[in-house]
């Protein structure tokens, strides 16, 4: 059995209520809720794989589509020396173990301004979200393979929250199409 994970139910609106071979988990937004919910589920049941789907902002304007995320950093932490993206006790970068893909910057606030985007670009991430670092880190702790698919909903600037609200259903449809495509090739 696999586990289908999303932060918000709205990111799964295009998916059927029952997806063959998958249990479903909606964690809530942010790193703490993501880590807590996924830890509880993995502590209670064994899964062959975790498949995370959801939306992400892009830090490169005009970027659209569904991306296979293979690495995550935290954009909202600094270590004791003040180095951005470095945590005092967690790895600066977590990886899924899959080849290729893109890096996402995770933080506990919705990114919607140019200064934050410039900071995140300097950390070499293409996308930004609020959960992926936590999902990958928890999956590593349990030794469960994880795949993360993110659909770009906005440019993480200006009216990003309005853009996200307008785009989330379309992103869910793009993600479901990609999950179906991947299932057909397995």
N, C-alpha and C. Protein backbone atom coordinates (compact mmCIF):
# COMPACT_ATOMS: atom_id res chain seq x y z
N UNK A 1 0.84 -1.18 0.00
CA UNK A 1 0.00 0.00 0.00
C UNK A 1 0.89 1.24 0.00
N UNK A 2 0.41 2.27 -0.71
CA UNK A 2 1.10 3.56 -0.77
C UNK A 2 0.27 4.59 -0.01
N UNK A 3 0.92 5.69 0.32
CA UNK A 3 0.25 6.76 1.03
C UNK A 3 0.26 8.02 0.18
N UNK A 4 -0.92 8.54 -0.15
CA UNK A 4 -1.08 9.79 -0.89
C UNK A 4 -1.22 10.91 0.13
N UNK A 5 -0.33 11.90 0.06
CA UNK A 5 -0.28 12.97 1.06
C UNK A 5 -0.45 14.33 0.39
N UNK A 6 -1.24 15.18 1.02
CA UNK A 6 -1.36 16.58 0.62
C UNK A 6 -1.52 17.42 1.88
N UNK A 7 -1.13 18.66 1.81
CA UNK A 7 -1.29 19.55 2.96
C UNK A 7 -2.75 19.95 3.15
N UNK A 8 -3.44 20.18 2.05
CA UNK A 8 -4.81 20.68 2.09
C UNK A 8 -5.74 19.82 1.24
N UNK A 9 -6.97 19.65 1.70
CA UNK A 9 -7.96 18.88 0.93
C UNK A 9 -8.19 19.50 -0.44
N UNK A 10 -8.08 20.82 -0.55
CA UNK A 10 -8.30 21.48 -1.84
C UNK A 10 -7.28 21.06 -2.88
N UNK A 11 -6.11 20.57 -2.45
CA UNK A 11 -5.10 20.11 -3.39
C UNK A 11 -5.44 18.72 -3.95
N UNK A 12 -6.47 18.09 -3.40
CA UNK A 12 -6.89 16.76 -3.84
C UNK A 12 -8.28 16.75 -4.49
N UNK A 13 -8.84 17.92 -4.78
CA UNK A 13 -10.22 17.96 -5.29
C UNK A 13 -10.40 17.21 -6.61
N UNK A 14 -9.38 17.11 -7.43
CA UNK A 14 -9.50 16.40 -8.71
C UNK A 14 -9.28 14.89 -8.57
N UNK A 15 -8.83 14.45 -7.43
CA UNK A 15 -8.57 13.03 -7.20
C UNK A 15 -9.85 12.35 -6.74
N UNK A 16 -10.05 11.08 -7.14
CA UNK A 16 -11.22 10.36 -6.63
C UNK A 16 -11.08 10.13 -5.12
N UNK A 17 -12.20 10.00 -4.44
CA UNK A 17 -12.18 9.80 -2.99
C UNK A 17 -11.40 8.54 -2.62
N UNK A 18 -11.49 7.52 -3.45
CA UNK A 18 -10.75 6.28 -3.25
C UNK A 18 -9.84 6.09 -4.46
N UNK A 19 -8.54 6.02 -4.24
CA UNK A 19 -7.57 5.80 -5.30
C UNK A 19 -6.95 4.44 -5.07
N UNK A 20 -7.13 3.54 -6.01
CA UNK A 20 -6.69 2.16 -5.86
C UNK A 20 -5.21 2.08 -5.47
N UNK A 21 -4.93 1.37 -4.40
CA UNK A 21 -3.56 1.16 -3.94
C UNK A 21 -3.02 2.23 -3.01
N UNK A 22 -3.86 3.22 -2.69
CA UNK A 22 -3.41 4.34 -1.86
C UNK A 22 -4.33 4.57 -0.66
N UNK A 23 -3.73 4.82 0.48
CA UNK A 23 -4.42 5.47 1.59
C UNK A 23 -4.21 6.96 1.39
N UNK A 24 -5.00 7.78 2.05
CA UNK A 24 -4.93 9.23 1.88
C UNK A 24 -4.68 9.90 3.22
N UNK A 25 -3.86 10.96 3.19
CA UNK A 25 -3.58 11.76 4.38
C UNK A 25 -3.54 13.23 4.01
N UNK A 26 -4.33 14.04 4.69
CA UNK A 26 -4.27 15.49 4.59
C UNK A 26 -3.69 15.97 5.91
N UNK A 27 -2.53 16.62 5.83
CA UNK A 27 -1.77 16.94 7.04
C UNK A 27 -2.08 18.29 7.67
N UNK A 28 -2.56 19.23 6.87
CA UNK A 28 -2.63 20.62 7.31
C UNK A 28 -1.38 21.33 6.84
N UNK A 29 -1.44 22.66 6.76
CA UNK A 29 -0.31 23.42 6.21
C UNK A 29 0.81 23.66 7.23
N UNK A 30 2.02 23.81 6.72
CA UNK A 30 3.17 24.15 7.54
C UNK A 30 3.98 22.94 7.97
N UNK A 31 5.22 23.21 8.33
CA UNK A 31 6.16 22.14 8.66
C UNK A 31 5.73 21.34 9.89
N UNK A 32 5.25 22.00 10.94
CA UNK A 32 4.88 21.27 12.16
C UNK A 32 3.71 20.34 11.93
N UNK A 33 2.66 20.84 11.30
CA UNK A 33 1.51 19.98 11.04
C UNK A 33 1.89 18.83 10.10
N UNK A 34 2.70 19.13 9.09
CA UNK A 34 3.13 18.09 8.15
C UNK A 34 3.92 17.00 8.87
N UNK A 35 4.88 17.41 9.68
CA UNK A 35 5.72 16.44 10.40
C UNK A 35 4.88 15.62 11.39
N UNK A 36 4.01 16.28 12.11
CA UNK A 36 3.19 15.59 13.11
C UNK A 36 2.27 14.56 12.47
N UNK A 37 1.51 14.98 11.46
CA UNK A 37 0.54 14.09 10.83
C UNK A 37 1.22 12.91 10.14
N UNK A 38 2.31 13.18 9.41
CA UNK A 38 2.98 12.09 8.70
C UNK A 38 3.65 11.14 9.69
N UNK A 39 4.24 11.65 10.75
CA UNK A 39 4.85 10.80 11.77
C UNK A 39 3.81 9.88 12.40
N UNK A 40 2.67 10.44 12.77
CA UNK A 40 1.60 9.62 13.38
C UNK A 40 1.16 8.50 12.43
N UNK A 41 0.99 8.85 11.15
CA UNK A 41 0.52 7.84 10.19
C UNK A 41 1.56 6.76 9.98
N UNK A 42 2.83 7.14 9.83
CA UNK A 42 3.87 6.14 9.59
C UNK A 42 4.15 5.31 10.84
N UNK A 43 3.87 5.86 11.99
CA UNK A 43 4.02 5.10 13.23
C UNK A 43 2.90 4.06 13.38
N UNK A 44 1.75 4.33 12.75
CA UNK A 44 0.59 3.46 12.88
C UNK A 44 0.46 2.41 11.78
N UNK A 45 1.11 2.63 10.63
CA UNK A 45 0.95 1.71 9.50
C UNK A 45 2.22 1.69 8.66
N UNK A 46 2.40 0.58 7.94
CA UNK A 46 3.54 0.44 7.05
C UNK A 46 3.11 0.76 5.62
N UNK A 47 3.96 1.52 4.91
CA UNK A 47 3.69 1.87 3.53
C UNK A 47 4.92 1.57 2.68
N UNK A 48 4.66 1.18 1.42
CA UNK A 48 5.73 0.91 0.47
C UNK A 48 6.33 2.20 -0.07
N UNK A 49 5.51 3.24 -0.14
CA UNK A 49 5.95 4.51 -0.71
C UNK A 49 4.99 5.62 -0.27
N UNK A 50 5.53 6.82 -0.18
CA UNK A 50 4.74 8.02 0.06
C UNK A 50 4.74 8.83 -1.23
N UNK A 51 3.57 9.28 -1.65
CA UNK A 51 3.45 10.17 -2.80
C UNK A 51 2.81 11.46 -2.30
N UNK A 52 3.59 12.52 -2.31
CA UNK A 52 3.11 13.84 -1.91
C UNK A 52 2.70 14.60 -3.16
N UNK A 53 1.53 15.20 -3.13
CA UNK A 53 1.08 16.08 -4.20
C UNK A 53 0.66 17.40 -3.58
N UNK A 54 0.86 18.48 -4.33
CA UNK A 54 0.42 19.77 -3.81
C UNK A 54 0.86 20.91 -4.70
N UNK A 55 0.55 22.10 -4.23
CA UNK A 55 0.87 23.31 -4.97
C UNK A 55 2.17 23.91 -4.44
N UNK A 56 2.77 24.75 -5.26
CA UNK A 56 3.99 25.46 -4.88
C UNK A 56 4.05 26.77 -5.65
N UNK A 57 4.68 27.74 -5.03
CA UNK A 57 4.97 28.98 -5.73
C UNK A 57 6.28 28.82 -6.48
N UNK A 58 6.44 29.59 -7.55
CA UNK A 58 7.69 29.58 -8.29
C UNK A 58 8.47 30.85 -7.95
N UNK A 59 9.77 30.73 -7.81
CA UNK A 59 10.60 31.92 -7.59
C UNK A 59 11.20 32.42 -8.91
N UNK A 60 10.84 31.76 -10.00
CA UNK A 60 11.21 32.21 -11.34
C UNK A 60 9.91 32.53 -12.07
N UNK A 61 9.60 33.82 -12.23
CA UNK A 61 8.32 34.21 -12.83
C UNK A 61 8.05 33.49 -14.15
N UNK A 62 6.79 33.08 -14.30
CA UNK A 62 6.37 32.43 -15.54
C UNK A 62 6.54 30.92 -15.55
N UNK A 63 7.19 30.38 -14.53
CA UNK A 63 7.38 28.92 -14.46
C UNK A 63 6.03 28.28 -14.17
N UNK A 64 5.66 27.29 -14.95
CA UNK A 64 4.39 26.59 -14.76
C UNK A 64 4.60 25.10 -14.98
N UNK A 65 3.63 24.31 -14.54
CA UNK A 65 3.66 22.89 -14.77
C UNK A 65 3.78 22.10 -13.48
N UNK A 66 3.98 20.79 -13.64
CA UNK A 66 4.16 19.87 -12.51
C UNK A 66 5.63 19.48 -12.47
N UNK A 67 6.21 19.55 -11.28
CA UNK A 67 7.63 19.25 -11.10
C UNK A 67 7.82 18.11 -10.12
N UNK A 68 8.80 17.27 -10.43
CA UNK A 68 9.25 16.21 -9.53
C UNK A 68 10.29 16.86 -8.61
N UNK A 69 9.95 16.99 -7.35
CA UNK A 69 10.85 17.62 -6.38
C UNK A 69 11.72 16.52 -5.76
N UNK A 70 13.02 16.69 -5.86
CA UNK A 70 13.93 15.67 -5.34
C UNK A 70 14.79 16.16 -4.19
N UNK A 71 14.70 17.45 -3.85
CA UNK A 71 15.46 17.99 -2.72
C UNK A 71 14.68 19.14 -2.11
N UNK A 72 14.90 19.34 -0.81
CA UNK A 72 14.25 20.45 -0.11
C UNK A 72 15.22 21.09 0.87
N UNK A 73 15.07 22.40 1.00
CA UNK A 73 15.82 23.18 1.97
C UNK A 73 14.80 23.98 2.78
N UNK A 74 15.25 24.56 3.87
CA UNK A 74 14.39 25.45 4.65
C UNK A 74 14.85 26.89 4.44
N UNK A 75 13.96 27.72 3.92
CA UNK A 75 14.35 29.10 3.65
C UNK A 75 14.15 30.02 4.86
N UNK A 76 13.49 29.53 5.88
CA UNK A 76 13.15 30.40 7.01
C UNK A 76 13.94 30.08 8.28
N UNK A 77 15.11 29.49 8.14
CA UNK A 77 15.95 29.19 9.30
C UNK A 77 17.36 29.72 9.07
N UNK A 78 18.06 29.95 10.18
CA UNK A 78 19.49 30.29 10.14
C UNK A 78 20.17 29.56 11.29
N UNK A 79 21.44 29.26 11.11
CA UNK A 79 22.17 28.59 12.19
C UNK A 79 22.74 29.62 13.16
N UNK A 80 23.52 29.17 14.13
CA UNK A 80 24.03 30.09 15.16
C UNK A 80 25.04 31.08 14.59
N UNK A 81 25.55 30.82 13.39
CA UNK A 81 26.44 31.76 12.73
C UNK A 81 25.69 32.70 11.79
N UNK A 82 24.35 32.56 11.74
CA UNK A 82 23.54 33.43 10.90
C UNK A 82 23.48 33.02 9.44
N UNK A 83 23.87 31.79 9.13
CA UNK A 83 23.85 31.33 7.74
C UNK A 83 22.44 30.91 7.36
N UNK A 84 21.86 31.61 6.39
CA UNK A 84 20.49 31.34 5.94
C UNK A 84 20.40 29.94 5.34
N UNK A 85 19.29 29.27 5.65
CA UNK A 85 19.06 27.94 5.13
C UNK A 85 19.70 26.83 5.94
N UNK A 86 20.48 27.20 6.93
CA UNK A 86 21.14 26.20 7.79
C UNK A 86 20.41 26.15 9.12
N UNK A 87 20.05 24.98 9.56
CA UNK A 87 19.38 24.78 10.84
C UNK A 87 20.43 24.34 11.85
N UNK A 88 20.20 24.61 13.11
CA UNK A 88 21.20 24.25 14.13
C UNK A 88 21.32 22.74 14.34
N UNK A 89 20.27 21.97 14.04
CA UNK A 89 20.37 20.53 14.29
C UNK A 89 19.80 19.64 13.19
N UNK A 90 19.29 20.21 12.13
CA UNK A 90 18.76 19.43 11.02
C UNK A 90 19.65 19.62 9.80
N UNK A 91 19.63 18.66 8.87
CA UNK A 91 20.44 18.84 7.66
C UNK A 91 19.98 20.05 6.86
N UNK A 92 20.91 20.71 6.21
CA UNK A 92 20.54 21.89 5.42
C UNK A 92 19.72 21.51 4.19
N UNK A 93 19.88 20.28 3.74
CA UNK A 93 19.19 19.80 2.53
C UNK A 93 18.78 18.36 2.76
N UNK A 94 17.54 18.05 2.42
CA UNK A 94 17.08 16.66 2.45
C UNK A 94 16.74 16.26 1.02
N UNK A 95 16.97 14.99 0.70
CA UNK A 95 16.74 14.52 -0.66
C UNK A 95 15.88 13.27 -0.66
N UNK A 96 15.18 13.08 -1.76
CA UNK A 96 14.30 11.91 -1.89
C UNK A 96 15.06 10.66 -2.32
N UNK A 97 16.25 10.85 -2.90
CA UNK A 97 16.99 9.73 -3.44
C UNK A 97 16.70 9.47 -4.90
N UNK A 98 15.79 10.24 -5.47
CA UNK A 98 15.46 10.13 -6.88
C UNK A 98 16.41 11.01 -7.67
N UNK A 99 16.71 10.64 -8.88
CA UNK A 99 17.61 11.42 -9.74
C UNK A 99 16.85 12.58 -10.39
N UNK A 100 17.60 13.62 -10.74
CA UNK A 100 16.99 14.76 -11.43
C UNK A 100 16.10 15.56 -10.51
N UNK A 101 15.08 16.13 -11.07
CA UNK A 101 14.12 16.88 -10.28
C UNK A 101 14.62 18.26 -9.88
N UNK A 102 13.83 18.92 -9.07
CA UNK A 102 14.13 20.30 -8.67
C UNK A 102 14.21 20.39 -7.15
N UNK A 103 14.75 21.51 -6.69
CA UNK A 103 14.83 21.80 -5.27
C UNK A 103 13.72 22.77 -4.90
N UNK A 104 13.10 22.51 -3.76
CA UNK A 104 12.06 23.37 -3.23
C UNK A 104 12.54 23.96 -1.91
N UNK A 105 12.16 25.19 -1.64
CA UNK A 105 12.47 25.86 -0.38
C UNK A 105 11.19 25.86 0.47
N UNK A 106 11.28 25.29 1.66
CA UNK A 106 10.14 25.17 2.54
C UNK A 106 10.26 26.17 3.68
N UNK A 107 9.15 26.78 4.03
CA UNK A 107 9.10 27.70 5.15
C UNK A 107 7.69 27.78 5.69
N UNK A 108 7.56 28.30 6.90
CA UNK A 108 6.25 28.31 7.56
C UNK A 108 5.40 29.54 7.26
N UNK A 109 5.72 30.26 6.22
CA UNK A 109 4.82 31.34 5.82
C UNK A 109 4.63 31.31 4.30
N UNK A 110 3.47 31.79 3.89
CA UNK A 110 3.14 31.86 2.46
C UNK A 110 3.97 32.98 1.84
N UNK A 111 4.77 32.64 0.86
CA UNK A 111 5.67 33.63 0.24
C UNK A 111 4.91 34.40 -0.83
N UNK A 112 4.92 35.73 -0.68
CA UNK A 112 4.20 36.57 -1.64
C UNK A 112 4.85 37.94 -1.81
N UNK A 113 6.19 37.99 -1.69
CA UNK A 113 6.85 39.27 -1.90
C UNK A 113 8.22 39.09 -2.55
N UNK A 114 8.63 40.11 -3.27
CA UNK A 114 9.87 40.07 -4.04
C UNK A 114 11.12 39.87 -3.20
N UNK A 115 11.18 40.47 -2.01
CA UNK A 115 12.36 40.30 -1.16
C UNK A 115 12.54 38.84 -0.74
N UNK A 116 11.44 38.21 -0.36
CA UNK A 116 11.50 36.79 0.03
C UNK A 116 11.91 35.93 -1.17
N UNK A 117 11.38 36.24 -2.34
CA UNK A 117 11.72 35.49 -3.55
C UNK A 117 13.21 35.62 -3.85
N UNK A 118 13.75 36.82 -3.73
CA UNK A 118 15.19 37.02 -3.99
C UNK A 118 16.03 36.22 -2.99
N UNK A 119 15.62 36.19 -1.74
CA UNK A 119 16.31 35.40 -0.71
C UNK A 119 16.29 33.91 -1.07
N UNK A 120 15.14 33.43 -1.51
CA UNK A 120 14.99 32.01 -1.84
C UNK A 120 15.77 31.66 -3.11
N UNK A 121 15.75 32.54 -4.10
CA UNK A 121 16.53 32.31 -5.31
C UNK A 121 18.01 32.14 -4.98
N UNK A 122 18.50 32.93 -4.03
CA UNK A 122 19.91 32.86 -3.62
C UNK A 122 20.25 31.51 -2.98
N UNK A 123 19.23 30.79 -2.52
CA UNK A 123 19.44 29.46 -1.93
C UNK A 123 19.37 28.35 -2.97
N UNK A 124 19.23 28.72 -4.24
CA UNK A 124 19.20 27.78 -5.37
C UNK A 124 17.98 26.88 -5.40
N UNK A 125 16.83 27.42 -5.05
CA UNK A 125 15.58 26.67 -5.17
C UNK A 125 14.76 27.25 -6.31
N UNK A 126 13.97 26.40 -6.96
CA UNK A 126 13.08 26.84 -8.03
C UNK A 126 11.68 27.12 -7.49
N UNK A 127 11.27 26.33 -6.51
CA UNK A 127 9.91 26.40 -5.98
C UNK A 127 9.93 26.70 -4.49
N UNK A 128 8.76 27.08 -3.98
CA UNK A 128 8.62 27.36 -2.55
C UNK A 128 7.28 26.80 -2.07
N UNK A 129 7.31 26.20 -0.86
CA UNK A 129 6.08 25.70 -0.25
C UNK A 129 6.22 25.74 1.27
N UNK A 130 5.30 25.08 1.96
CA UNK A 130 5.30 25.13 3.41
C UNK A 130 5.46 23.76 4.09
N UNK A 131 5.66 22.66 3.32
CA UNK A 131 5.68 21.34 3.95
C UNK A 131 6.75 20.37 3.47
N UNK A 132 7.25 20.48 2.27
CA UNK A 132 8.04 19.41 1.66
C UNK A 132 9.26 19.01 2.47
N UNK A 133 10.00 19.95 3.02
CA UNK A 133 11.17 19.59 3.83
C UNK A 133 10.74 18.62 4.94
N UNK A 134 9.66 18.93 5.63
CA UNK A 134 9.19 18.08 6.73
C UNK A 134 8.79 16.69 6.22
N UNK A 135 8.08 16.63 5.10
CA UNK A 135 7.68 15.32 4.56
C UNK A 135 8.89 14.45 4.25
N UNK A 136 9.87 15.02 3.56
CA UNK A 136 11.05 14.23 3.19
C UNK A 136 11.82 13.81 4.43
N UNK A 137 12.00 14.72 5.37
CA UNK A 137 12.76 14.40 6.59
C UNK A 137 12.08 13.27 7.37
N UNK A 138 10.77 13.35 7.54
CA UNK A 138 10.03 12.30 8.27
C UNK A 138 10.13 10.97 7.52
N UNK A 139 9.95 10.98 6.21
CA UNK A 139 10.05 9.75 5.42
C UNK A 139 11.43 9.11 5.62
N UNK A 140 12.47 9.92 5.65
CA UNK A 140 13.83 9.40 5.89
C UNK A 140 13.93 8.73 7.25
N UNK A 141 13.33 9.32 8.26
CA UNK A 141 13.40 8.76 9.61
C UNK A 141 12.77 7.38 9.68
N UNK A 142 11.74 7.16 8.85
CA UNK A 142 11.05 5.88 8.82
C UNK A 142 11.56 4.94 7.73
N UNK A 143 12.47 5.43 6.90
CA UNK A 143 13.01 4.60 5.83
C UNK A 143 12.01 4.27 4.74
N UNK A 144 11.06 5.17 4.50
CA UNK A 144 10.04 4.95 3.48
C UNK A 144 10.36 5.80 2.25
N UNK A 145 10.41 5.20 1.07
CA UNK A 145 10.65 5.99 -0.15
C UNK A 145 9.57 7.05 -0.33
N UNK A 146 9.97 8.20 -0.85
CA UNK A 146 9.02 9.30 -1.03
C UNK A 146 9.23 9.94 -2.40
N UNK A 147 8.10 10.31 -3.00
CA UNK A 147 8.12 11.07 -4.24
C UNK A 147 7.24 12.29 -4.02
N UNK A 148 7.71 13.45 -4.48
CA UNK A 148 7.00 14.70 -4.29
C UNK A 148 6.72 15.34 -5.64
N UNK A 149 5.45 15.55 -5.94
CA UNK A 149 5.02 16.23 -7.17
C UNK A 149 4.36 17.53 -6.79
N UNK A 150 4.85 18.62 -7.36
CA UNK A 150 4.30 19.94 -7.06
C UNK A 150 3.87 20.63 -8.34
N UNK A 151 2.66 21.18 -8.34
CA UNK A 151 2.15 21.97 -9.46
C UNK A 151 2.30 23.44 -9.09
N UNK A 152 2.83 24.22 -10.01
CA UNK A 152 3.05 25.64 -9.75
C UNK A 152 1.72 26.38 -9.83
N UNK A 153 1.41 27.08 -8.74
CA UNK A 153 0.14 27.80 -8.63
C UNK A 153 0.29 29.31 -8.77
N UNK A 154 1.51 29.82 -8.52
CA UNK A 154 1.69 31.27 -8.50
C UNK A 154 3.18 31.60 -8.59
N UNK A 155 3.47 32.90 -8.73
CA UNK A 155 4.86 33.37 -8.82
C UNK A 155 5.42 33.84 -7.48
N UNK A 156 4.76 33.55 -6.37
CA UNK A 156 5.23 33.87 -5.02
C UNK A 156 5.48 35.36 -4.82
N UNK A 157 4.77 36.19 -5.55
CA UNK A 157 4.90 37.64 -5.40
C UNK A 157 3.55 38.31 -5.56
N UNK A 158 3.46 39.55 -5.12
CA UNK A 158 2.27 40.36 -5.33
C UNK A 158 0.99 39.72 -4.85
N UNK A 159 0.14 39.33 -5.78
CA UNK A 159 -1.16 38.73 -5.46
C UNK A 159 -1.10 37.21 -5.41
N UNK A 160 -0.01 36.66 -4.91
CA UNK A 160 0.18 35.21 -4.93
C UNK A 160 -0.95 34.47 -4.23
N UNK A 161 -1.44 34.97 -3.11
CA UNK A 161 -2.51 34.25 -2.40
C UNK A 161 -3.78 34.23 -3.24
N UNK A 162 -4.09 35.31 -3.93
CA UNK A 162 -5.26 35.34 -4.83
C UNK A 162 -5.03 34.39 -6.00
N UNK A 163 -3.82 34.42 -6.56
CA UNK A 163 -3.48 33.51 -7.66
C UNK A 163 -3.62 32.06 -7.19
N UNK A 164 -3.13 31.75 -5.98
CA UNK A 164 -3.20 30.38 -5.45
C UNK A 164 -4.65 29.95 -5.34
N UNK A 165 -5.49 30.78 -4.75
CA UNK A 165 -6.91 30.42 -4.58
C UNK A 165 -7.57 30.15 -5.93
N UNK A 166 -7.20 30.93 -6.94
CA UNK A 166 -7.77 30.76 -8.27
C UNK A 166 -7.22 29.52 -8.97
N UNK A 167 -6.01 29.10 -8.63
CA UNK A 167 -5.32 28.04 -9.36
C UNK A 167 -5.36 26.67 -8.71
N UNK A 168 -5.72 26.57 -7.44
CA UNK A 168 -5.55 25.30 -6.72
C UNK A 168 -6.32 24.15 -7.36
N UNK A 169 -7.53 24.37 -7.83
CA UNK A 169 -8.31 23.28 -8.45
C UNK A 169 -7.66 22.83 -9.76
N UNK A 170 -7.20 23.77 -10.56
CA UNK A 170 -6.53 23.41 -11.81
C UNK A 170 -5.23 22.67 -11.53
N UNK A 171 -4.52 23.08 -10.50
CA UNK A 171 -3.28 22.39 -10.12
C UNK A 171 -3.58 20.96 -9.68
N UNK A 172 -4.67 20.78 -8.94
CA UNK A 172 -5.06 19.43 -8.52
C UNK A 172 -5.33 18.55 -9.73
N UNK A 173 -5.98 19.09 -10.74
CA UNK A 173 -6.25 18.33 -11.97
C UNK A 173 -4.94 17.97 -12.67
N UNK A 174 -4.00 18.91 -12.74
CA UNK A 174 -2.69 18.62 -13.35
C UNK A 174 -1.97 17.51 -12.58
N UNK A 175 -2.04 17.57 -11.27
CA UNK A 175 -1.38 16.57 -10.44
C UNK A 175 -2.01 15.19 -10.64
N UNK A 176 -3.34 15.13 -10.69
CA UNK A 176 -4.00 13.85 -10.89
C UNK A 176 -3.65 13.26 -12.25
N UNK A 177 -3.60 14.09 -13.27
CA UNK A 177 -3.19 13.63 -14.60
C UNK A 177 -1.78 13.05 -14.55
N UNK A 178 -0.87 13.72 -13.84
CA UNK A 178 0.51 13.22 -13.73
C UNK A 178 0.57 11.91 -12.94
N UNK A 179 -0.20 11.80 -11.88
CA UNK A 179 -0.24 10.54 -11.11
C UNK A 179 -0.76 9.41 -11.98
N UNK A 180 -1.79 9.67 -12.77
CA UNK A 180 -2.31 8.65 -13.67
C UNK A 180 -1.26 8.25 -14.70
N UNK A 181 -0.53 9.23 -15.25
CA UNK A 181 0.51 8.96 -16.24
C UNK A 181 1.61 8.09 -15.62
N UNK A 182 2.03 8.43 -14.43
CA UNK A 182 3.08 7.67 -13.75
C UNK A 182 2.62 6.26 -13.43
N UNK A 183 1.36 6.10 -13.04
CA UNK A 183 0.82 4.77 -12.73
C UNK A 183 0.77 3.90 -13.98
N UNK A 184 0.49 4.51 -15.12
CA UNK A 184 0.40 3.76 -16.38
C UNK A 184 1.77 3.30 -16.85
N UNK A 185 2.82 4.00 -16.46
CA UNK A 185 4.18 3.63 -16.91
C UNK A 185 4.85 2.64 -15.97
N UNK A 186 4.23 2.33 -14.85
CA UNK A 186 4.84 1.40 -13.89
C UNK A 186 4.53 -0.02 -14.20
